[in-house]
Every structure is written in structure tokens, then in C-alpha cells.
Protein backbone atom coordinates (compact mmCIF):
# COMPACT_ATOMS: atom_id res chain seq x y z
CA MET A 1 113.62 41.61 112.30
CA ALA A 2 113.44 44.95 114.10
CA ILE A 3 109.83 45.46 113.04
CA ASP A 4 108.79 42.10 114.44
CA THR A 5 110.48 42.92 117.75
CA ALA A 6 108.72 46.28 117.94
CA LEU A 7 105.32 44.67 117.27
CA LEU A 8 106.02 42.04 119.91
CA ALA A 9 106.97 44.72 122.42
CA LYS A 10 103.76 46.64 121.64
CA ASP A 11 101.63 43.55 122.16
CA ILE A 12 103.32 42.71 125.44
CA GLY A 13 103.02 46.31 126.66
CA ALA A 14 99.33 46.48 125.77
CA GLY A 15 98.72 43.17 127.51
CA LEU A 16 100.43 44.40 130.66
CA ALA A 17 98.42 47.63 130.54
CA THR A 18 95.16 45.68 130.58
CA ILE A 19 96.03 44.11 133.94
CA GLY A 20 94.45 47.25 135.42
CA VAL A 21 91.08 46.08 134.08
CA ALA A 22 91.29 42.91 136.15
CA GLY A 23 92.23 44.94 139.20
CA ALA A 24 89.25 47.21 138.68
CA GLY A 25 86.97 44.18 138.45
CA VAL A 26 88.26 42.91 141.78
CA GLY A 27 87.82 46.37 143.29
CA ILE A 28 84.23 46.67 142.11
CA GLY A 29 83.46 43.23 143.48
CA ASN A 30 84.90 44.15 146.87
CA LEU A 31 83.04 47.44 146.86
CA PHE A 32 79.59 45.97 146.24
CA GLY A 33 80.26 42.93 148.43
CA SER A 34 81.06 45.21 151.34
CA PHE A 35 78.00 47.31 150.57
CA VAL A 36 75.69 44.31 150.66
CA SER A 37 77.25 43.17 153.92
CA ALA A 38 76.88 46.62 155.48
CA VAL A 39 73.25 46.95 154.39
CA GLY A 40 72.58 43.53 155.88
CA ARG A 41 73.86 44.80 159.22
CA ASN A 42 72.24 48.24 159.12
CA PRO A 43 69.43 48.59 156.55
CA ALA A 44 68.54 52.10 157.74
CA ALA A 45 71.85 53.48 156.46
CA ARG A 46 71.32 52.17 152.92
CA ASP A 47 70.42 55.47 151.27
CA LYS A 48 73.41 57.33 152.71
CA MET A 49 75.84 54.53 151.84
CA PHE A 50 74.51 53.99 148.34
CA ARG A 51 75.62 57.46 147.25
CA ASP A 52 79.16 56.72 148.41
CA VAL A 53 79.09 53.30 146.74
CA LEU A 54 78.16 54.84 143.41
CA LEU A 55 81.00 57.34 143.72
CA GLY A 56 83.42 54.54 144.53
CA PHE A 57 82.11 52.52 141.60
CA ALA A 58 82.60 55.43 139.20
CA LEU A 59 86.15 56.07 140.38
CA THR A 60 87.06 52.40 140.22
CA GLU A 61 85.57 52.04 136.75
CA ALA A 62 87.55 55.09 135.63
CA VAL A 63 90.75 53.20 136.44
CA ALA A 64 89.66 50.41 134.08
CA LEU A 65 88.86 52.90 131.33
CA TYR A 66 92.25 54.57 131.75
CA ALA A 67 93.95 51.18 131.50
CA LEU A 68 92.10 50.44 128.25
CA VAL A 69 92.98 53.85 126.81
CA ILE A 70 96.67 53.28 127.60
CA ALA A 71 96.52 49.82 126.00
CA PHE A 72 94.95 51.26 122.84
CA LEU A 73 97.53 54.05 122.75
CA ILE A 74 100.31 51.49 122.96
CA LEU A 75 98.80 49.35 120.21
CA PHE A 76 97.65 52.00 117.77
CA GLY A 77 99.62 55.10 118.76
């Protein structure tokens, strides 16, 4: 009985850890949506903004990767 409870707790913990992936997806959508809107208003600033957008994308995607690593550590660690 104790083993089944531990496995259940691991599964629930890993599922909760993957919520960060959904948050990162929302963040990336907001990031690129705002970028498209800003370029529509000021196309001349596209090149300068695009560098910042890629940095923001990389940092936001890193959060999703960290969430997946934590979920895998909970499941298989």
C-alpha cells in the first residue's frame, strides 16, 4: 500500500511540475503577439526589437525546459 501511495504522489508531483510548460507557452504567445503588434505600428524598429524578442523567447523557453527536467527528476529520480 505504501508503494502505491508513493507512485501516486510522484505522478501528481510530476503533473504539477509540468504546469510550467503551459505557462511558458502562454508567455511565448504573448511575446510574439506583442512583437507583431509593435512591428505593425513601427516597422523601422523591427531589427532592434527582434534581437530582444529572441532573447525573451530563449529565456521563456528555458523555463519550460526546467519544468520538464524537474518533472523527469520527480518521476525517475
